[in-house]
């Protein structure tokens, strides 16, 4: 009997540990409120009545992106915001179109790992590790049609078209809403702007350089 009680206790403890965790967030933050009528649904969207679901809820057609912009690239996302059938499924994707020399600038996905396959063209891609242990190590690769590359969750990465023609890639993401933080935009076009004192000390440059960067029209291709 003592052995049985001990086993039951262990199973109860293991069960409490197994289920005592929060789901991965699908938004930047969630401030608690006391009155639910003033709140929003967390980690997804409210679900449609299954009896009203149609095949169109799981379908979307996407066209080539317009690359006539300062970056020469365009990201066309297919997240839960564009395809409601993705809700709760934990995946999404994006089509990325590149003009010659087009760049998908350094950015991160705070809530998802990315796997990229090149459909057309030649891309120079890379990511930078964190500063813990690996001291911001850079991994790069030149990808051709059919090549696949993985960008780990949360790490800064980029893609540059180094071919002579247009390029197209498809990126799969391990979240229905992985989020995007474009580094230059976040630092120099935040609202309100980050203090000059913070940026000049962080980058070890003169204030005039920071003022110049903050005055640029940073384009967001997402």
N, C-alpha and C. Protein backbone atom coordinates (compact mmCIF):
# COMPACT_ATOMS: atom_id res chain seq x y z
N UNK A 1 0.83 -1.21 0.00
CA UNK A 1 0.00 0.00 0.00
C UNK A 1 0.86 1.26 0.00
N UNK A 2 1.96 1.22 0.78
CA UNK A 2 2.85 2.38 0.82
C UNK A 2 3.47 2.64 -0.56
N UNK A 3 3.83 1.54 -1.23
CA UNK A 3 4.41 1.68 -2.57
C UNK A 3 3.39 2.28 -3.53
N UNK A 4 2.13 1.84 -3.43
CA UNK A 4 1.07 2.35 -4.30
C UNK A 4 0.85 3.84 -4.05
N UNK A 5 0.81 4.23 -2.78
CA UNK A 5 0.62 5.66 -2.44
C UNK A 5 1.78 6.49 -2.97
N UNK A 6 2.98 5.92 -2.88
CA UNK A 6 4.15 6.63 -3.37
C UNK A 6 4.06 6.85 -4.88
N UNK A 7 3.66 5.80 -5.61
CA UNK A 7 3.53 5.90 -7.06
C UNK A 7 2.46 6.90 -7.46
N UNK A 8 1.34 6.90 -6.75
CA UNK A 8 0.27 7.85 -7.03
C UNK A 8 0.75 9.28 -6.80
N UNK A 9 1.53 9.48 -5.74
CA UNK A 9 2.06 10.81 -5.44
C UNK A 9 2.99 11.29 -6.54
N UNK A 10 3.85 10.38 -7.01
CA UNK A 10 4.79 10.73 -8.08
C UNK A 10 4.05 11.09 -9.35
N UNK A 11 3.00 10.28 -9.69
CA UNK A 11 2.22 10.55 -10.89
C UNK A 11 1.50 11.89 -10.80
N UNK A 12 0.97 12.21 -9.62
CA UNK A 12 0.27 13.48 -9.43
C UNK A 12 1.23 14.65 -9.59
N UNK A 13 2.45 14.49 -9.03
CA UNK A 13 3.46 15.55 -9.15
C UNK A 13 3.89 15.72 -10.60
N UNK A 14 4.11 14.61 -11.30
CA UNK A 14 4.51 14.67 -12.69
C UNK A 14 3.44 15.31 -13.54
N UNK A 15 2.18 15.00 -13.25
CA UNK A 15 1.07 15.57 -14.01
C UNK A 15 1.00 17.07 -13.81
N UNK A 16 1.20 17.53 -12.57
CA UNK A 16 1.12 18.97 -12.30
C UNK A 16 2.25 19.71 -12.98
N UNK A 17 3.45 19.08 -13.06
CA UNK A 17 4.57 19.71 -13.73
C UNK A 17 4.34 19.76 -15.23
N UNK A 18 3.78 18.67 -15.78
CA UNK A 18 3.58 18.58 -17.22
C UNK A 18 2.60 19.63 -17.73
N UNK A 19 1.60 19.98 -16.93
CA UNK A 19 0.58 20.90 -17.39
C UNK A 19 0.77 22.32 -16.84
N UNK A 20 1.79 22.53 -16.00
CA UNK A 20 1.98 23.85 -15.39
C UNK A 20 2.92 24.69 -16.24
N UNK A 21 2.42 25.15 -17.39
CA UNK A 21 3.22 26.03 -18.24
C UNK A 21 2.29 26.92 -19.04
N UNK A 22 2.82 28.05 -19.49
CA UNK A 22 2.05 28.96 -20.32
C UNK A 22 2.30 28.64 -21.78
N UNK A 23 1.32 28.83 -22.65
CA UNK A 23 1.56 28.65 -24.08
C UNK A 23 2.47 29.76 -24.59
N UNK A 24 3.18 29.48 -25.67
CA UNK A 24 4.04 30.50 -26.25
C UNK A 24 3.19 31.68 -26.71
N UNK A 25 3.60 32.92 -26.41
CA UNK A 25 2.78 34.08 -26.77
C UNK A 25 2.74 34.31 -28.27
N UNK A 26 1.60 34.77 -28.75
CA UNK A 26 1.43 35.10 -30.16
C UNK A 26 1.22 36.59 -30.35
N UNK A 27 1.62 37.38 -29.39
CA UNK A 27 1.59 38.83 -29.49
C UNK A 27 2.76 39.39 -28.70
N UNK A 28 3.07 40.68 -28.87
CA UNK A 28 4.22 41.26 -28.20
C UNK A 28 4.03 41.35 -26.69
N UNK A 29 2.82 41.62 -26.23
CA UNK A 29 2.57 41.69 -24.80
C UNK A 29 1.08 41.49 -24.53
N UNK A 30 0.75 41.22 -23.27
CA UNK A 30 -0.64 41.04 -22.86
C UNK A 30 -0.79 41.60 -21.46
N UNK A 31 -1.31 42.83 -21.36
CA UNK A 31 -1.49 43.50 -20.07
C UNK A 31 -2.78 43.01 -19.44
N UNK A 32 -2.71 42.54 -18.21
CA UNK A 32 -3.88 41.99 -17.53
C UNK A 32 -4.91 43.07 -17.22
N UNK A 33 -6.19 42.69 -17.28
CA UNK A 33 -7.28 43.60 -16.92
C UNK A 33 -8.23 42.87 -15.98
N UNK A 34 -9.01 43.64 -15.23
CA UNK A 34 -9.95 43.06 -14.29
C UNK A 34 -11.29 42.75 -14.94
N UNK A 35 -11.69 43.57 -15.91
CA UNK A 35 -13.00 43.41 -16.53
C UNK A 35 -12.84 42.84 -17.93
N UNK A 36 -13.29 41.61 -18.18
CA UNK A 36 -13.08 40.98 -19.49
C UNK A 36 -13.76 41.69 -20.65
N UNK A 37 -14.78 42.51 -20.38
CA UNK A 37 -15.44 43.22 -21.49
C UNK A 37 -14.52 44.25 -22.12
N UNK A 38 -13.45 44.62 -21.43
CA UNK A 38 -12.49 45.59 -21.96
C UNK A 38 -11.26 44.90 -22.55
N UNK A 39 -11.30 43.59 -22.67
CA UNK A 39 -10.13 42.85 -23.11
C UNK A 39 -10.22 42.31 -24.52
N UNK A 40 -9.18 41.58 -24.91
CA UNK A 40 -9.12 40.93 -26.22
C UNK A 40 -8.74 39.47 -26.00
N UNK A 41 -9.04 38.64 -26.99
CA UNK A 41 -8.70 37.22 -26.91
C UNK A 41 -7.20 37.04 -27.06
N UNK A 42 -6.60 36.16 -26.24
CA UNK A 42 -5.15 35.96 -26.23
C UNK A 42 -4.76 34.72 -27.03
N UNK A 43 -3.63 34.82 -27.72
CA UNK A 43 -3.03 33.69 -28.44
C UNK A 43 -3.94 33.08 -29.49
N UNK A 44 -4.37 33.91 -30.41
CA UNK A 44 -5.18 33.43 -31.50
C UNK A 44 -6.38 34.32 -31.73
N UNK A 45 -7.39 33.77 -32.36
CA UNK A 45 -8.62 34.51 -32.60
C UNK A 45 -9.79 33.66 -32.13
N UNK A 46 -10.93 34.31 -31.88
CA UNK A 46 -12.12 33.55 -31.56
C UNK A 46 -12.44 32.59 -32.69
N UNK A 47 -12.98 31.43 -32.37
CA UNK A 47 -13.21 30.39 -33.36
C UNK A 47 -14.60 30.50 -34.00
N UNK A 48 -14.64 30.25 -35.27
CA UNK A 48 -15.88 30.23 -36.04
C UNK A 48 -16.67 28.97 -35.69
N UNK A 49 -17.99 29.05 -35.72
CA UNK A 49 -18.83 27.88 -35.51
C UNK A 49 -18.45 26.83 -36.55
N UNK A 50 -18.04 25.61 -36.12
CA UNK A 50 -17.61 24.59 -37.09
C UNK A 50 -18.65 24.30 -38.16
N UNK A 51 -19.92 24.47 -37.82
CA UNK A 51 -20.97 24.20 -38.80
C UNK A 51 -20.97 25.21 -39.94
N UNK A 52 -20.31 26.37 -39.72
CA UNK A 52 -20.28 27.42 -40.73
C UNK A 52 -18.97 27.47 -41.51
N UNK A 53 -18.04 26.58 -41.16
CA UNK A 53 -16.74 26.56 -41.81
C UNK A 53 -16.86 26.08 -43.25
N UNK A 54 -16.12 26.75 -44.16
CA UNK A 54 -16.13 26.38 -45.58
C UNK A 54 -14.69 26.14 -46.05
N UNK A 55 -14.56 25.51 -47.22
CA UNK A 55 -13.23 25.24 -47.77
C UNK A 55 -12.45 26.54 -47.98
N UNK A 56 -13.17 27.62 -48.31
CA UNK A 56 -12.52 28.92 -48.55
C UNK A 56 -11.81 29.44 -47.30
N UNK A 57 -12.20 28.98 -46.12
CA UNK A 57 -11.54 29.41 -44.89
C UNK A 57 -10.11 28.90 -44.81
N UNK A 58 -9.78 27.90 -45.61
CA UNK A 58 -8.45 27.31 -45.60
C UNK A 58 -7.67 27.60 -46.89
N UNK A 59 -8.16 28.55 -47.68
CA UNK A 59 -7.59 28.80 -49.00
C UNK A 59 -7.23 30.27 -49.17
N UNK A 60 -6.11 30.52 -49.87
CA UNK A 60 -5.73 31.88 -50.24
C UNK A 60 -4.81 31.84 -51.45
N UNK A 61 -5.00 32.75 -52.38
CA UNK A 61 -4.12 32.88 -53.54
C UNK A 61 -3.24 34.11 -53.36
N UNK A 62 -1.95 33.99 -53.61
CA UNK A 62 -1.06 35.16 -53.49
C UNK A 62 -0.35 35.40 -54.81
N UNK A 63 -0.19 36.66 -55.14
CA UNK A 63 0.49 37.09 -56.36
C UNK A 63 1.93 37.49 -56.03
N UNK A 64 2.71 37.68 -57.07
CA UNK A 64 4.08 38.17 -56.90
C UNK A 64 4.06 39.56 -56.27
N UNK A 65 5.00 39.82 -55.37
CA UNK A 65 5.07 41.11 -54.69
C UNK A 65 5.68 42.18 -55.56
N UNK A 66 5.34 43.44 -55.28
CA UNK A 66 5.88 44.59 -56.01
C UNK A 66 7.23 44.98 -55.41
N UNK A 67 8.29 44.80 -56.18
CA UNK A 67 9.64 45.07 -55.67
C UNK A 67 10.14 46.47 -56.05
N UNK A 68 9.25 47.32 -56.55
CA UNK A 68 9.64 48.69 -56.92
C UNK A 68 9.63 49.57 -55.66
N UNK A 69 10.60 49.36 -54.80
CA UNK A 69 10.73 50.11 -53.56
C UNK A 69 12.21 50.22 -53.21
N UNK A 70 12.57 51.01 -52.20
CA UNK A 70 13.99 51.23 -51.91
C UNK A 70 14.78 49.97 -51.58
N UNK A 71 14.12 48.93 -51.07
CA UNK A 71 14.82 47.70 -50.73
C UNK A 71 14.91 46.73 -51.90
N UNK A 72 14.04 46.91 -52.89
CA UNK A 72 14.02 45.98 -54.01
C UNK A 72 13.51 44.61 -53.64
N UNK A 73 12.66 44.54 -52.63
CA UNK A 73 12.08 43.27 -52.22
C UNK A 73 10.70 43.51 -51.65
N UNK A 74 9.90 42.46 -51.61
CA UNK A 74 8.58 42.55 -51.02
C UNK A 74 8.21 41.22 -50.37
N UNK A 75 7.81 41.29 -49.11
CA UNK A 75 7.36 40.11 -48.38
C UNK A 75 5.84 40.08 -48.39
N UNK A 76 5.28 38.97 -48.84
CA UNK A 76 3.82 38.78 -48.82
C UNK A 76 3.49 37.73 -47.78
N UNK A 77 3.06 38.13 -46.59
CA UNK A 77 2.83 37.16 -45.52
C UNK A 77 1.51 36.40 -45.69
N UNK A 78 1.49 35.19 -45.22
CA UNK A 78 0.25 34.42 -45.10
C UNK A 78 0.22 33.89 -43.67
N UNK A 79 -0.24 34.76 -42.77
CA UNK A 79 -0.39 34.41 -41.36
C UNK A 79 -1.87 34.24 -41.06
N UNK A 80 -2.19 34.07 -39.81
CA UNK A 80 -3.59 33.91 -39.42
C UNK A 80 -4.41 35.16 -39.75
N UNK A 81 -3.75 36.30 -39.90
CA UNK A 81 -4.47 37.53 -40.25
C UNK A 81 -4.94 37.51 -41.71
N UNK A 82 -4.22 36.78 -42.56
CA UNK A 82 -4.61 36.69 -43.97
C UNK A 82 -5.37 35.40 -44.30
N UNK A 83 -5.14 34.35 -43.52
CA UNK A 83 -5.77 33.05 -43.76
C UNK A 83 -6.30 32.52 -42.44
N UNK A 84 -7.59 32.75 -42.20
CA UNK A 84 -8.18 32.44 -40.90
C UNK A 84 -8.11 30.97 -40.53
N UNK A 85 -8.01 30.10 -41.52
CA UNK A 85 -7.92 28.67 -41.24
C UNK A 85 -6.65 28.27 -40.52
N UNK A 86 -5.65 29.16 -40.45
CA UNK A 86 -4.42 28.89 -39.73
C UNK A 86 -4.58 28.99 -38.22
N UNK A 87 -5.68 29.55 -37.76
CA UNK A 87 -5.86 29.78 -36.32
C UNK A 87 -5.66 28.50 -35.53
N UNK A 88 -4.79 28.57 -34.52
CA UNK A 88 -4.42 27.49 -33.58
C UNK A 88 -3.53 26.42 -34.20
N UNK A 89 -3.16 26.52 -35.47
CA UNK A 89 -2.39 25.46 -36.11
C UNK A 89 -0.87 25.63 -35.97
N UNK A 90 -0.41 26.81 -35.58
CA UNK A 90 1.00 26.99 -35.25
C UNK A 90 1.95 27.09 -36.43
N UNK A 91 1.43 27.39 -37.64
CA UNK A 91 2.31 27.56 -38.80
C UNK A 91 1.85 28.74 -39.64
N UNK A 92 2.73 29.24 -40.47
CA UNK A 92 2.41 30.29 -41.44
C UNK A 92 3.53 30.28 -42.47
N UNK A 93 3.37 31.13 -43.49
CA UNK A 93 4.43 31.24 -44.48
C UNK A 93 4.45 32.64 -45.07
N UNK A 94 5.45 32.89 -45.90
CA UNK A 94 5.53 34.17 -46.61
C UNK A 94 6.21 33.93 -47.95
N UNK A 95 5.73 34.66 -48.96
CA UNK A 95 6.42 34.69 -50.25
C UNK A 95 7.30 35.93 -50.26
N UNK A 96 8.56 35.77 -50.70
CA UNK A 96 9.48 36.90 -50.75
C UNK A 96 9.97 37.06 -52.18
N UNK A 97 9.68 38.23 -52.77
CA UNK A 97 10.11 38.54 -54.13
C UNK A 97 11.27 39.52 -54.07
N UNK A 98 12.27 39.29 -54.91
CA UNK A 98 13.46 40.14 -54.96
C UNK A 98 13.71 40.64 -56.38
N UNK A 99 13.93 41.94 -56.52
CA UNK A 99 14.49 42.48 -57.76
C UNK A 99 15.99 42.19 -57.73
N UNK A 100 16.71 42.37 -58.85
CA UNK A 100 18.16 42.22 -58.81
C UNK A 100 18.77 43.13 -57.73
N UNK A 101 19.61 42.54 -56.89
CA UNK A 101 20.26 43.21 -55.75
C UNK A 101 19.26 43.58 -54.65
N UNK A 102 18.05 43.06 -54.72
CA UNK A 102 17.05 43.34 -53.69
C UNK A 102 17.43 42.70 -52.36
N UNK A 103 17.04 43.37 -51.29
CA UNK A 103 17.41 42.93 -49.94
C UNK A 103 16.18 42.80 -49.04
N UNK A 104 16.08 41.68 -48.33
CA UNK A 104 15.19 41.57 -47.19
C UNK A 104 16.06 41.87 -45.98
N UNK A 105 15.96 43.08 -45.41
CA UNK A 105 16.97 43.58 -44.47
C UNK A 105 17.00 42.80 -43.16
N UNK A 106 18.07 42.99 -42.38
CA UNK A 106 18.18 42.29 -41.10
C UNK A 106 16.94 42.47 -40.23
N UNK A 107 16.40 41.34 -39.78
CA UNK A 107 15.18 41.34 -38.99
C UNK A 107 15.13 40.08 -38.13
N UNK A 108 14.18 40.02 -37.24
CA UNK A 108 13.98 38.82 -36.43
C UNK A 108 12.50 38.46 -36.42
N UNK A 109 12.23 37.19 -36.10
CA UNK A 109 10.88 36.72 -35.84
C UNK A 109 10.86 36.27 -34.38
N UNK A 110 10.29 37.09 -33.48
CA UNK A 110 10.38 36.77 -32.06
C UNK A 110 9.64 35.51 -31.64
N UNK A 111 8.71 35.04 -32.48
CA UNK A 111 7.89 33.90 -32.05
C UNK A 111 7.95 32.72 -33.01
N UNK A 112 8.96 32.66 -33.90
CA UNK A 112 8.97 31.55 -34.84
C UNK A 112 10.32 31.31 -35.50
N UNK A 113 10.63 30.04 -35.73
CA UNK A 113 11.75 29.65 -36.56
C UNK A 113 11.32 29.73 -38.02
N UNK A 114 12.25 30.09 -38.90
CA UNK A 114 11.95 30.22 -40.32
C UNK A 114 12.75 29.20 -41.13
N UNK A 115 12.09 28.55 -42.08
CA UNK A 115 12.77 27.69 -43.04
C UNK A 115 12.46 28.22 -44.42
N UNK A 116 13.51 28.47 -45.20
CA UNK A 116 13.39 29.17 -46.48
C UNK A 116 13.81 28.25 -47.62
N UNK A 117 13.02 28.23 -48.70
CA UNK A 117 13.40 27.52 -49.92
C UNK A 117 13.40 28.49 -51.09
N UNK A 118 14.45 28.44 -51.90
CA UNK A 118 14.57 29.32 -53.06
C UNK A 118 13.86 28.68 -54.25
N UNK A 119 12.91 29.41 -54.82
CA UNK A 119 12.19 28.92 -56.00
C UNK A 119 12.85 29.37 -57.29
N UNK A 120 13.38 30.58 -57.29
CA UNK A 120 14.07 31.12 -58.46
C UNK A 120 15.18 32.05 -58.00
N UNK A 121 16.31 32.05 -58.74
CA UNK A 121 17.36 33.01 -58.46
C UNK A 121 18.42 32.51 -57.50
N UNK A 122 19.25 33.45 -57.06
CA UNK A 122 20.38 33.16 -56.17
C UNK A 122 20.38 34.15 -55.01
N UNK A 123 20.35 33.64 -53.80
CA UNK A 123 20.29 34.49 -52.61
C UNK A 123 21.51 34.25 -51.71
N UNK A 124 22.03 35.34 -51.17
CA UNK A 124 23.03 35.28 -50.10
C UNK A 124 22.27 35.49 -48.80
N UNK A 125 22.29 34.50 -47.92
CA UNK A 125 21.50 34.56 -46.69
C UNK A 125 22.40 34.35 -45.48
N UNK A 126 21.92 34.77 -44.33
CA UNK A 126 22.69 34.55 -43.13
C UNK A 126 21.94 34.92 -41.87
N UNK A 127 22.45 34.43 -40.74
CA UNK A 127 21.92 34.82 -39.43
C UNK A 127 23.07 34.95 -38.44
N UNK A 128 22.82 35.73 -37.38
CA UNK A 128 23.82 36.00 -36.35
C UNK A 128 23.34 35.39 -35.04
N UNK A 129 24.23 34.64 -34.38
CA UNK A 129 23.86 34.03 -33.10
C UNK A 129 23.79 35.08 -31.99
N UNK A 130 23.27 34.67 -30.86
CA UNK A 130 23.21 35.57 -29.71
C UNK A 130 24.61 35.79 -29.16
N UNK A 131 24.74 36.72 -28.20
CA UNK A 131 26.05 37.02 -27.62
C UNK A 131 26.36 36.15 -26.41
N UNK A 132 25.60 35.08 -26.23
CA UNK A 132 25.85 34.17 -25.11
C UNK A 132 26.62 32.95 -25.62
N UNK A 133 27.88 32.90 -25.34
CA UNK A 133 28.70 31.75 -25.71
C UNK A 133 29.23 31.82 -27.12
N UNK A 134 28.38 32.12 -28.11
CA UNK A 134 28.81 32.11 -29.50
C UNK A 134 29.33 33.46 -29.98
N UNK A 135 29.29 34.47 -29.15
CA UNK A 135 29.83 35.80 -29.46
C UNK A 135 29.40 36.32 -30.83
N UNK A 136 28.10 36.30 -31.08
CA UNK A 136 27.54 36.87 -32.30
C UNK A 136 28.16 36.29 -33.57
N UNK A 137 28.25 34.98 -33.63
CA UNK A 137 28.82 34.30 -34.80
C UNK A 137 27.88 34.44 -35.99
N UNK A 138 28.44 34.71 -37.17
CA UNK A 138 27.66 34.86 -38.39
C UNK A 138 27.73 33.59 -39.23
N UNK A 139 26.54 33.06 -39.59
CA UNK A 139 26.45 31.92 -40.49
C UNK A 139 25.85 32.40 -41.81
N UNK A 140 26.55 32.16 -42.92
CA UNK A 140 26.05 32.61 -44.22
C UNK A 140 26.13 31.49 -45.24
N UNK A 141 25.33 31.62 -46.30
CA UNK A 141 25.32 30.63 -47.36
C UNK A 141 24.74 31.27 -48.61
N UNK A 142 25.29 30.91 -49.77
CA UNK A 142 24.70 31.31 -51.05
C UNK A 142 23.77 30.19 -51.49
N UNK A 143 22.49 30.55 -51.69
CA UNK A 143 21.47 29.57 -52.04
C UNK A 143 21.06 29.71 -53.50
N UNK A 144 20.89 28.60 -54.14
CA UNK A 144 20.38 28.57 -55.51
C UNK A 144 19.02 27.88 -55.53
N UNK A 145 18.40 27.83 -56.69
CA UNK A 145 17.07 27.24 -56.83
C UNK A 145 17.03 25.84 -56.22
N UNK A 146 16.06 25.61 -55.33
CA UNK A 146 15.91 24.32 -54.68
C UNK A 146 16.62 24.20 -53.35
N UNK A 147 17.49 25.16 -53.02
CA UNK A 147 18.21 25.11 -51.75
C UNK A 147 17.33 25.57 -50.59
N UNK A 148 17.60 25.00 -49.43
CA UNK A 148 16.82 25.28 -48.22
C UNK A 148 17.76 25.73 -47.10
N UNK A 149 17.31 26.70 -46.30
CA UNK A 149 18.12 27.20 -45.19
C UNK A 149 17.19 27.51 -44.02
N UNK A 150 17.70 27.31 -42.80
CA UNK A 150 16.91 27.52 -41.58
C UNK A 150 17.47 28.69 -40.78
N UNK A 151 16.55 29.56 -40.30
CA UNK A 151 16.92 30.67 -39.42
C UNK A 151 16.28 30.40 -38.05
N UNK A 152 17.08 30.13 -37.01
CA UNK A 152 16.52 29.80 -35.70
C UNK A 152 15.69 30.95 -35.12
N UNK A 153 14.74 30.59 -34.29
CA UNK A 153 13.80 31.55 -33.72
C UNK A 153 14.52 32.70 -33.01
N UNK A 154 14.08 33.91 -33.29
CA UNK A 154 14.55 35.09 -32.57
C UNK A 154 15.87 35.66 -33.02
N UNK A 155 16.61 34.98 -33.92
CA UNK A 155 17.93 35.47 -34.32
C UNK A 155 17.84 36.40 -35.53
N UNK A 156 18.70 37.41 -35.55
CA UNK A 156 18.73 38.37 -36.65
C UNK A 156 19.20 37.66 -37.92
N UNK A 157 18.46 37.86 -39.03
CA UNK A 157 18.82 37.22 -40.29
C UNK A 157 18.44 38.12 -41.47
N UNK A 158 18.88 37.73 -42.66
CA UNK A 158 18.67 38.57 -43.85
C UNK A 158 18.76 37.69 -45.09
N UNK A 159 18.29 38.25 -46.23
CA UNK A 159 18.45 37.62 -47.54
C UNK A 159 18.73 38.71 -48.57
N UNK A 160 19.73 38.47 -49.42
CA UNK A 160 20.13 39.42 -50.46
C UNK A 160 20.19 38.70 -51.80
N UNK A 161 19.55 39.28 -52.81
CA UNK A 161 19.60 38.72 -54.16
C UNK A 161 20.95 39.07 -54.79
N UNK A 162 21.79 38.07 -54.99
CA UNK A 162 23.11 38.31 -55.58
C UNK A 162 23.17 37.84 -57.03
N UNK A 163 22.01 37.45 -57.58
CA UNK A 163 21.97 37.05 -58.98
C UNK A 163 21.72 38.23 -59.89
N UNK A 164 21.63 37.96 -61.18
CA UNK A 164 21.43 39.03 -62.16
C UNK A 164 19.96 39.23 -62.52
N UNK A 165 19.12 38.28 -62.11
CA UNK A 165 17.70 38.40 -62.40
C UNK A 165 16.88 38.46 -61.13
N UNK A 166 15.57 38.36 -61.27
CA UNK A 166 14.70 38.35 -60.10
C UNK A 166 14.86 37.04 -59.34
N UNK A 167 14.48 37.07 -58.07
CA UNK A 167 14.52 35.88 -57.23
C UNK A 167 13.22 35.77 -56.46
N UNK A 168 12.85 34.53 -56.15
CA UNK A 168 11.63 34.26 -55.37
C UNK A 168 11.94 33.18 -54.35
N UNK A 169 11.46 33.37 -53.13
CA UNK A 169 11.63 32.36 -52.08
C UNK A 169 10.34 32.22 -51.29
N UNK A 170 10.16 31.07 -50.69
CA UNK A 170 9.05 30.83 -49.79
C UNK A 170 9.62 30.53 -48.41
N UNK A 171 9.10 31.22 -47.40
CA UNK A 171 9.54 31.02 -46.02
C UNK A 171 8.42 30.40 -45.21
N UNK A 172 8.69 29.27 -44.58
CA UNK A 172 7.76 28.67 -43.64
C UNK A 172 8.13 29.08 -42.23
N UNK A 173 7.12 29.33 -41.39
CA UNK A 173 7.36 29.81 -40.02
C UNK A 173 6.62 28.94 -39.02
N UNK A 174 7.26 28.68 -37.89
CA UNK A 174 6.70 27.77 -36.90
C UNK A 174 5.75 28.46 -35.93
N UNK A 175 4.96 29.37 -36.46
CA UNK A 175 3.96 30.08 -35.66
C UNK A 175 2.91 30.63 -36.60
N UNK A 176 1.66 30.69 -36.14
CA UNK A 176 0.63 31.32 -36.96
C UNK A 176 0.78 32.82 -36.99
N UNK A 177 1.61 33.38 -36.09
CA UNK A 177 1.87 34.82 -36.03
C UNK A 177 3.27 35.03 -35.45
N UNK A 178 4.30 34.78 -36.27
CA UNK A 178 5.68 34.81 -35.78
C UNK A 178 6.17 36.20 -35.43
N UNK A 179 5.55 37.24 -36.01
CA UNK A 179 5.99 38.61 -35.75
C UNK A 179 7.26 38.94 -36.53
N UNK A 180 7.46 40.21 -36.79
CA UNK A 180 8.66 40.68 -37.49
C UNK A 180 9.18 41.94 -36.81
N UNK A 181 10.47 41.96 -36.51
CA UNK A 181 11.14 43.17 -36.02
C UNK A 181 12.25 43.50 -37.01
N UNK A 182 12.05 44.53 -37.83
CA UNK A 182 13.10 44.98 -38.75
C UNK A 182 14.04 45.89 -37.97
N UNK A 183 15.30 45.51 -37.87
CA UNK A 183 16.22 46.13 -36.92
C UNK A 183 16.36 47.64 -37.13
N UNK A 184 16.65 48.07 -38.36
CA UNK A 184 16.86 49.50 -38.61
C UNK A 184 15.60 50.30 -38.28
N UNK A 185 14.44 49.80 -38.70
CA UNK A 185 13.19 50.51 -38.42
C UNK A 185 12.93 50.62 -36.93
N UNK A 186 13.18 49.53 -36.21
CA UNK A 186 12.92 49.53 -34.77
C UNK A 186 13.82 50.50 -34.03
N UNK A 187 15.07 50.60 -34.47
CA UNK A 187 16.02 51.47 -33.76
C UNK A 187 15.87 52.94 -34.13
N UNK A 188 15.64 53.22 -35.43
CA UNK A 188 15.69 54.60 -35.89
C UNK A 188 14.34 55.19 -36.26
N UNK A 189 13.29 54.38 -36.21
CA UNK A 189 11.95 54.90 -36.50
C UNK A 189 10.95 54.49 -35.43
N UNK A 190 11.41 54.28 -34.21
CA UNK A 190 10.49 53.94 -33.13
C UNK A 190 9.59 55.13 -32.83
N UNK A 191 8.47 54.86 -32.23
CA UNK A 191 7.49 55.92 -31.92
C UNK A 191 7.09 55.85 -30.45
N UNK A 192 7.57 56.81 -29.60
CA UNK A 192 8.44 57.94 -29.92
C UNK A 192 9.88 57.46 -30.17
N UNK A 193 10.72 58.36 -30.64
CA UNK A 193 12.09 57.98 -30.98
C UNK A 193 12.91 57.65 -29.74
N UNK A 194 13.86 56.75 -29.92
CA UNK A 194 14.79 56.41 -28.83
C UNK A 194 15.72 57.60 -28.59
N UNK A 195 16.05 57.85 -27.35
CA UNK A 195 16.91 58.97 -26.98
C UNK A 195 18.24 58.94 -27.73
N UNK A 196 18.68 60.12 -28.20
CA UNK A 196 19.99 60.24 -28.85
C UNK A 196 21.10 59.74 -27.94
N UNK A 197 20.96 60.02 -26.66
CA UNK A 197 21.99 59.61 -25.70
C UNK A 197 22.15 58.09 -25.69
N UNK A 198 21.01 57.38 -25.78
CA UNK A 198 21.06 55.91 -25.80
C UNK A 198 21.74 55.41 -27.07
N UNK A 199 21.33 55.94 -28.22
CA UNK A 199 21.84 55.44 -29.50
C UNK A 199 23.29 55.84 -29.76
N UNK A 200 23.67 57.08 -29.39
CA UNK A 200 25.06 57.48 -29.60
C UNK A 200 26.01 56.64 -28.76
N UNK A 201 25.61 56.34 -27.53
CA UNK A 201 26.47 55.52 -26.67
C UNK A 201 26.48 54.07 -27.14
N UNK A 202 25.32 53.56 -27.58
CA UNK A 202 25.24 52.17 -28.02
C UNK A 202 26.08 51.92 -29.27
N UNK A 203 26.05 52.88 -30.21
CA UNK A 203 26.77 52.70 -31.47
C UNK A 203 28.14 53.38 -31.47
N UNK A 204 28.45 54.14 -30.40
CA UNK A 204 29.74 54.82 -30.29
C UNK A 204 29.99 55.73 -31.48
N UNK A 205 28.98 56.56 -31.82
CA UNK A 205 29.09 57.51 -32.92
C UNK A 205 28.61 58.87 -32.47
N UNK A 206 28.86 59.87 -33.31
CA UNK A 206 28.44 61.24 -33.00
C UNK A 206 26.93 61.39 -33.15
N UNK A 207 26.35 62.32 -32.42
CA UNK A 207 24.92 62.56 -32.46
C UNK A 207 24.43 62.91 -33.86
N UNK A 208 25.25 63.57 -34.65
CA UNK A 208 24.84 63.97 -35.99
C UNK A 208 24.54 62.73 -36.86
N UNK A 209 25.27 61.66 -36.64
CA UNK A 209 25.03 60.43 -37.40
C UNK A 209 23.69 59.82 -37.01
N UNK A 210 23.41 59.82 -35.72
CA UNK A 210 22.12 59.29 -35.24
C UNK A 210 20.98 60.14 -35.78
N UNK A 211 21.16 61.46 -35.76
CA UNK A 211 20.12 62.35 -36.29
C UNK A 211 19.89 62.08 -37.77
N UNK A 212 20.96 61.83 -38.50
CA UNK A 212 20.84 61.53 -39.93
C UNK A 212 20.07 60.23 -40.14
N UNK A 213 20.40 59.21 -39.38
CA UNK A 213 19.73 57.91 -39.52
C UNK A 213 18.26 58.00 -39.14
N UNK A 214 17.97 58.75 -38.09
CA UNK A 214 16.57 58.90 -37.68
C UNK A 214 15.76 59.72 -38.68
N UNK A 215 16.44 60.50 -39.49
CA UNK A 215 15.76 61.32 -40.48
C UNK A 215 15.49 60.61 -41.80
N UNK A 216 16.02 59.38 -41.94
CA UNK A 216 15.82 58.64 -43.19
C UNK A 216 14.41 58.06 -43.26
N UNK A 217 13.95 57.82 -44.48
CA UNK A 217 12.64 57.19 -44.69
C UNK A 217 12.85 55.68 -44.76
N UNK A 218 12.81 55.06 -43.60
CA UNK A 218 13.05 53.61 -43.54
C UNK A 218 11.84 52.87 -44.07
N UNK A 219 12.06 52.12 -45.13
CA UNK A 219 10.95 51.39 -45.78
C UNK A 219 10.77 50.02 -45.13
N UNK A 220 9.52 49.64 -44.93
CA UNK A 220 9.20 48.33 -44.37
C UNK A 220 8.58 47.48 -45.47
N UNK A 221 9.25 46.40 -45.84
CA UNK A 221 8.75 45.58 -46.96
C UNK A 221 7.81 44.48 -46.52
N UNK A 222 7.45 44.46 -45.23
CA UNK A 222 6.55 43.42 -44.74
C UNK A 222 5.10 43.90 -44.78
